[in-house]
C-alpha atoms as a PDB file:
ATOM      1  CA  MET A   1     -11.527  -2.003  72.310  1.00  0.00           C
ATOM      2  CA  ASP A   2     -14.358  -0.471  74.712  1.00  0.00           C
ATOM      3  CA  MET A   3     -17.339  -0.444  73.928  1.00  0.00           C
ATOM      4  CA  MET A   4     -17.943   2.862  74.474  1.00  0.00           C
ATOM      5  CA  CYS A   5     -15.725   3.444  72.160  1.00  0.00           C
ATOM      6  CA  PRO A   6     -18.401   3.274  69.025  1.00  0.00           C
ATOM      7  CA  ILE A   7     -20.676   6.233  70.367  1.00  0.00           C
ATOM      8  CA  ALA A   8     -17.963   7.991  71.224  1.00  0.00           C
ATOM      9  CA  ASN A   9     -17.125   8.006  67.535  1.00  0.00           C
ATOM     10  CA  ALA A  10     -20.686   8.393  65.787  1.00  0.00           C
ATOM     11  CA  VAL A  11     -21.123  11.670  68.450  1.00  0.00           C
ATOM     12  CA  GLN A  12     -17.687  13.300  66.890  1.00  0.00           C
ATOM     13  CA  ALA A  13     -18.763  12.174  63.463  1.00  0.00           C
ATOM     14  CA  VAL A  14     -22.038  13.850  63.812  1.00  0.00           C
ATOM     15  CA  SER A  15     -20.333  17.093  65.480  1.00  0.00           C
ATOM     16  CA  THR A  16     -18.047  17.572  62.321  1.00  0.00           C
ATOM     17  CA  LEU A  17     -21.522  16.959  60.500  1.00  0.00           C
ATOM     18  CA  MET A  18     -23.072  19.265  61.733  1.00  0.00           C
ATOM     19  CA  TRP A  19     -19.896  21.908  62.077  1.00  0.00           C
ATOM     20  CA  LEU A  20     -19.224  21.654  58.608  1.00  0.00           C
ATOM     21  CA  ALA A  21     -23.161  21.897  57.889  1.00  0.00           C
ATOM     22  CA  ILE A  22     -22.926  25.521  59.948  1.00  0.00           C
ATOM     23  CA  LEU A  23     -19.268  26.312  57.131  1.00  0.00           C
ATOM     24  CA  GLY A  24     -21.742  25.725  54.321  1.00  0.00           C
ATOM     25  CA  ARG A  25     -23.831  27.390  55.510  1.00  0.00           C
ATOM     26  CA  VAL A  26     -21.542  30.581  55.960  1.00  0.00           C
ATOM     27  CA  ILE A  27     -20.421  30.659  52.249  1.00  0.00           C
ATOM     28  CA  TYR A  28     -23.835  30.295  51.170  1.00  0.00           C
ATOM     29  CA  SER A  29     -24.838  33.460  52.571  1.00  0.00           C
ATOM     30  CA  TRP A  30     -22.153  35.329  51.789  1.00  0.00           C
ATOM     31  CA  ILE A  31     -22.903  33.198  47.423  1.00  0.00           C
ATOM     32  CA  ASP A  32     -26.884  34.236  48.055  1.00  0.00           C
ATOM     33  CA  PRO A  33     -27.051  36.329  50.705  1.00  0.00           C
ATOM     34  CA  SER A  34     -31.494  36.130  50.440  1.00  0.00           C
ATOM     35  CA  PRO A  35     -32.294  34.457  54.374  1.00  0.00           C
ATOM     36  CA  PHE A  36     -34.811  32.036  51.554  1.00  0.00           C
ATOM     37  CA  PRO A  37     -34.012  28.793  51.676  1.00  0.00           C
ATOM     38  CA  THR A  38     -35.193  29.224  47.660  1.00  0.00           C
ATOM     39  CA  ASN A  39     -33.312  25.741  46.843  1.00  0.00           C
ATOM     40  CA  THR A  40     -33.329  22.378  48.113  1.00  0.00           C
ATOM     41  CA  VAL A  41     -29.228  23.299  49.001  1.00  0.00           C
ATOM     42  CA  LYS A  42     -30.159  26.228  51.023  1.00  0.00           C
ATOM     43  CA  ARG A  43     -33.318  24.494  52.574  1.00  0.00           C
ATOM     44  CA  VAL A  44     -31.052  21.825  53.657  1.00  0.00           C
ATOM     45  CA  LEU A  45     -28.788  23.647  55.175  1.00  0.00           C
ATOM     46  CA  TRP A  46     -31.727  25.791  57.090  1.00  0.00           C
ATOM     47  CA  ARG A  47     -32.521  22.760  57.866  1.00  0.00           C
ATOM     48  CA  LEU A  48     -29.856  21.680  60.065  1.00  0.00           C
ATOM     49  CA  THR A  49     -28.743  24.693  61.280  1.00  0.00           C
ATOM     50  CA  ASP A  50     -31.641  26.519  62.756  1.00  0.00           C
ATOM     51  CA  PRO A  51     -32.462  24.425  65.509  1.00  0.00           C
ATOM     52  CA  ILE A  52     -28.323  24.848  66.764  1.00  0.00           C
ATOM     53  CA  LEU A  53     -28.112  28.794  65.511  1.00  0.00           C
ATOM     54  CA  ASP A  54     -31.563  30.007  66.254  1.00  0.00           C
ATOM     55  CA  PRO A  55     -30.489  29.353  70.006  1.00  0.00           C
ATOM     56  CA  VAL A  56     -27.437  30.922  69.976  1.00  0.00           C
ATOM     57  CA  ARG A  57     -28.653  33.991  67.983  1.00  0.00           C
ATOM     58  CA  ARG A  58     -31.374  34.559  70.965  1.00  0.00           C
ATOM     59  CA  PHE A  59     -28.968  34.767  73.520  1.00  0.00           C
ATOM     60  CA  MET A  60     -25.729  37.158  72.028  1.00  0.00           C
ATOM     61  CA  PRO A  61     -25.705  40.361  71.992  1.00  0.00           C
ATOM     62  CA  ALA A  62     -26.566  42.606  67.839  1.00  0.00           C
ATOM     63  CA  ILE A  63     -23.131  43.647  66.908  1.00  0.00           C
ATOM     64  CA  GLY A  64     -24.141  45.641  63.204  1.00  0.00           C
ATOM     65  CA  THR A  65     -24.686  43.670  60.787  1.00  0.00           C
ATOM     66  CA  ILE A  66     -22.320  40.712  61.468  1.00  0.00           C
ATOM     67  CA  ASP A  67     -24.122  37.254  62.463  1.00  0.00           C
ATOM     68  CA  LEU A  68     -20.577  36.097  64.977  1.00  0.00           C
ATOM     69  CA  SER A  69     -23.520  32.491  65.857  1.00  0.00           C
ATOM     70  CA  PRO A  70     -22.007  30.661  63.619  1.00  0.00           C
ATOM     71  CA  ILE A  71     -18.934  31.176  65.278  1.00  0.00           C
ATOM     72  CA  VAL A  72     -19.887  30.270  68.780  1.00  0.00           C
ATOM     73  CA  ALA A  73     -22.084  26.997  67.728  1.00  0.00           C
ATOM     74  CA  MET A  74     -19.030  25.814  65.997  1.00  0.00           C
ATOM     75  CA  VAL A  75     -16.990  26.356  68.663  1.00  0.00           C
ATOM     76  CA  LEU A  76     -19.705  24.652  71.526  1.00  0.00           C
ATOM     77  CA  ILE A  77     -20.369  21.649  69.080  1.00  0.00           C
ATOM     78  CA  GLN A  78     -17.208  21.122  69.242  1.00  0.00           C
ATOM     79  CA  LEU A  79     -16.896  21.468  73.160  1.00  0.00           C
ATOM     80  CA  VAL A  80     -19.799  19.902  74.342  1.00  0.00           C
ATOM     81  CA  ALA A  81     -18.699  16.671  71.995  1.00  0.00           C
ATOM     82  CA  GLY A  82     -14.784  17.143  72.814  1.00  0.00           C
ATOM     83  CA  ALA A  83     -16.272  16.061  76.756  1.00  0.00           C
ATOM     84  CA  ILE A  84     -19.087  13.708  76.155  1.00  0.00           C
ATOM     85  CA  ALA A  85     -16.798  12.090  73.296  1.00  0.00           C
ATOM     86  CA  THR A  86     -13.393  11.926  76.056  1.00  0.00           C
ATOM     87  CA  GLY A  87     -16.071  10.605  78.760  1.00  0.00           C
ATOM     88  CA  LEU A  88     -17.291   7.327  77.318  1.00  0.00           C
ATOM     89  CA  GLY A  89     -14.543   6.684  75.390  1.00  0.00           C
ATOM     90  CA  GLY A  90     -10.872   8.679  76.373  1.00  0.00           C
ATOM     91  CA  GLU A  91      -8.511  10.289  74.391  1.00  0.00           C
ATOM     92  CA  PHE A  92      -7.734   5.998  73.269  1.00  0.00           C
ATOM     93  CA  CYS A  93     -10.681   6.101  71.223  1.00  0.00           C
ATOM     94  CA  GLY A  94     -10.015   5.604  67.430  1.00  0.00           C
ATOM     95  CA  PRO A  95     -11.117   5.998  64.891  1.00  0.00           C
ATOM     96  CA  MET A  96     -12.259   2.645  63.452  1.00  0.00           C
END
């Protein structure tokens, strides 16, 4: 087993957790459309995802009331994490 495999697996795990946090934020925004974090779960999701979504929102044009930044961020997370993991361990680096 390559020495970089644990790092590649950690990168994949963190990217999956961030992807799920963004998905959770999107679903939560449908349930509670208020833009302000009013409870602990919402506050945690917003604190985890704002550093990723805010830069994406700055570069994306506004499309009415539809926010496409979560989709773009999720795709970017997968691309960057995949590139990093492939560079570190390649396709032979499976789960531990």
